[in-house]
């Protein structure tokens, strides 16, 4: 069973400026829920397909390492990447930056396959709720952060 979760929100900021902010790993701790640390931040890249990042994340009450591999990066438009973490299903992530009347709409999509057996039940319930909560919190955190980006860019 494939599970697809999607959330979106519009923000009154030019999408190229928001794209630059959101895709910069130095900014991730400011808005990414559960992020404990970006490992090897000075050595890792996040600009071209095949680039990888390792994040220390608090997921489902414990700290784990999230391995991400960039698949596509289309400036001011789209980012796709895969993630692998111990004890959870592998996931595919899409980050869409769509034009809107007074800024852009940020659409987050996470897709994963529920594992077989009892862990599949956990994936369909607990993991699904956790991912959905993280997507909502990300959008809420960005609401606050992008307001700051907008106000500092006017100076």
Protein backbone atom coordinates (compact mmCIF):
# COMPACT_ATOMS: atom_id res chain seq x y z
CA UNK A 1 0.00 0.00 0.00
CA UNK A 2 1.43 3.35 -1.08
CA UNK A 3 0.70 6.30 1.18
CA UNK A 4 0.80 9.84 -0.17
CA UNK A 5 0.59 12.88 2.09
CA UNK A 6 0.31 16.41 0.76
CA UNK A 7 0.06 19.84 2.36
CA UNK A 8 0.39 23.33 0.89
CA UNK A 9 0.28 26.97 1.87
CA UNK A 10 0.68 30.28 0.05
CA UNK A 11 3.15 32.91 1.19
CA UNK A 12 3.49 36.57 0.11
CA UNK A 13 7.15 36.35 -0.91
CA UNK A 14 8.77 36.07 -4.35
CA UNK A 15 9.22 32.38 -5.02
CA UNK A 16 12.86 32.68 -6.09
CA UNK A 17 13.74 34.28 -2.73
CA UNK A 18 11.75 31.65 -0.83
CA UNK A 19 13.33 28.86 -2.87
CA UNK A 20 16.82 30.15 -2.00
CA UNK A 21 15.92 30.28 1.70
CA UNK A 22 14.14 26.92 1.91
CA UNK A 23 16.75 24.93 -0.03
CA UNK A 24 19.75 26.31 1.88
CA UNK A 25 20.75 23.67 4.48
CA UNK A 26 21.99 26.43 6.80
CA UNK A 27 18.35 27.53 7.21
CA UNK A 28 16.85 24.08 7.83
CA UNK A 29 17.22 24.19 11.65
CA UNK A 30 15.07 27.34 11.73
CA UNK A 31 11.99 25.69 10.26
CA UNK A 32 12.41 21.92 9.98
CA UNK A 33 10.59 20.22 12.90
CA UNK A 34 12.56 17.62 14.77
CA UNK A 35 15.89 18.56 13.19
CA UNK A 36 18.64 18.11 15.76
CA UNK A 37 21.66 18.70 13.48
CA UNK A 38 22.84 18.71 9.88
CA UNK A 39 25.77 16.29 9.95
CA UNK A 40 28.83 17.17 7.90
CA UNK A 41 27.20 20.48 6.96
CA UNK A 42 30.49 21.95 5.80
CA UNK A 43 31.32 18.96 3.61
CA UNK A 44 27.91 18.05 2.17
CA UNK A 45 26.32 19.62 -0.87
CA UNK A 46 22.65 20.05 -1.80
CA UNK A 47 22.73 21.49 -5.31
CA UNK A 48 22.87 18.69 -7.88
CA UNK A 49 21.22 15.29 -8.37
CA UNK A 50 23.14 12.69 -6.40
CA UNK A 51 24.15 15.10 -3.62
CA UNK A 52 23.52 13.67 -0.17
CA UNK A 53 22.86 15.01 3.32
CA UNK A 54 22.71 13.31 6.69
CA UNK A 55 20.45 14.81 9.31
CA UNK A 56 20.04 13.93 12.95
CA UNK A 57 16.29 13.93 13.48
CA UNK A 58 13.98 13.40 16.40
CA UNK A 59 11.38 11.05 14.91
CA UNK A 60 8.68 9.30 16.90
CA UNK A 61 10.38 10.22 20.17
CA UNK A 62 13.91 9.10 19.34
CA UNK A 63 16.93 10.55 17.58
CA UNK A 64 17.88 8.84 14.34
CA UNK A 65 19.93 9.59 11.24
CA UNK A 66 18.03 10.52 8.11
CA UNK A 67 19.96 9.95 4.87
CA UNK A 68 18.72 12.08 1.97
CA UNK A 69 19.68 11.88 -1.71
CA UNK A 70 18.79 14.74 -4.03
CA UNK A 71 17.03 13.58 -7.21
CA UNK A 72 16.00 16.85 -8.90
CA UNK A 73 16.51 20.52 -8.23
CA UNK A 74 14.81 22.92 -10.63
CA UNK A 75 15.50 26.48 -9.38
CA UNK A 76 12.46 28.27 -7.99
CA UNK A 77 10.24 25.38 -9.03
CA UNK A 78 10.88 21.85 -7.70
CA UNK A 79 13.04 19.76 -5.41
CA UNK A 80 12.72 15.98 -5.14
CA UNK A 81 14.72 13.67 -2.91
CA UNK A 82 14.61 10.27 -1.31
CA UNK A 83 15.11 9.55 2.37
CA UNK A 84 16.16 6.46 4.26
CA UNK A 85 16.11 6.09 8.04
CA UNK A 86 16.44 3.08 10.28
CA UNK A 87 13.17 1.67 11.59
CA UNK A 88 10.95 3.61 9.17
CA UNK A 89 9.92 3.07 5.56
CA UNK A 90 11.98 4.73 2.82
CA UNK A 91 10.24 7.83 1.50
CA UNK A 92 10.17 10.07 -1.54
CA UNK A 93 9.77 13.81 -1.03
CA UNK A 94 8.62 16.54 -3.40
CA UNK A 95 8.82 20.27 -2.71
CA UNK A 96 6.87 22.34 -5.22
CA UNK A 97 7.20 26.11 -5.52
CA UNK A 98 4.20 27.29 -7.55
CA UNK A 99 3.42 30.87 -8.63
CA UNK A 100 0.55 32.54 -6.78
CA UNK A 101 -1.13 35.93 -7.13
CA UNK A 102 0.93 37.71 -4.46
CA UNK A 103 3.85 35.32 -4.00
CA UNK A 104 4.06 31.53 -4.21
CA UNK A 105 2.41 28.35 -2.99
CA UNK A 106 4.66 25.83 -1.30
CA UNK A 107 3.41 22.27 -1.72
CA UNK A 108 5.03 19.41 0.19
CA UNK A 109 4.44 15.79 -0.81
CA UNK A 110 5.72 12.65 0.93
CA UNK A 111 5.14 9.19 -0.51
CA UNK A 112 6.08 5.87 1.06
CA UNK A 113 5.08 2.22 0.89
CA UNK A 114 3.70 0.66 4.05
CA UNK A 115 5.80 -2.32 5.03
CA UNK A 116 4.27 -5.79 5.30
CA UNK A 117 3.02 -7.31 8.53
CA UNK A 118 2.55 -5.53 11.87
CA UNK A 119 4.98 -2.75 10.91
CA UNK A 120 2.61 -1.94 8.04
CA UNK A 121 -0.11 -1.13 10.55
CA UNK A 122 2.31 1.26 12.29
CA UNK A 123 3.19 2.85 8.92
CA UNK A 124 -0.48 3.37 8.05
CA UNK A 125 -1.28 4.92 11.44
CA UNK A 126 1.57 6.23 13.60
CA UNK A 127 4.08 7.00 10.84
CA UNK A 128 1.41 8.56 8.63
CA UNK A 129 0.21 10.84 11.45
CA UNK A 130 3.80 11.77 12.35
CA UNK A 131 4.64 12.76 8.78
CA UNK A 132 1.43 14.75 8.40
CA UNK A 133 2.14 16.57 11.66
CA UNK A 134 5.70 17.36 10.47
CA UNK A 135 4.37 18.76 7.18
CA UNK A 136 1.91 21.03 9.02
CA UNK A 137 4.58 22.18 11.47
CA UNK A 138 6.99 22.90 8.61
CA UNK A 139 4.41 25.16 6.93
CA UNK A 140 3.65 26.89 10.25
CA UNK A 141 7.35 27.42 10.98
CA UNK A 142 7.89 28.81 7.49
CA UNK A 143 5.01 31.23 8.05
CA UNK A 144 7.09 32.86 10.78
CA UNK A 145 10.49 32.52 9.06
CA UNK A 146 9.44 33.77 5.63
CA UNK A 147 7.93 36.87 7.22
CA UNK A 148 11.41 37.62 8.57
CA UNK A 149 12.99 36.94 5.16
CA UNK A 150 10.48 39.29 3.53
CA UNK A 151 11.04 42.11 6.02
CA UNK A 152 14.85 41.91 5.86
CA UNK A 153 14.84 41.82 2.06
CA UNK A 154 13.02 45.18 1.87
CA UNK A 155 15.82 47.04 3.61
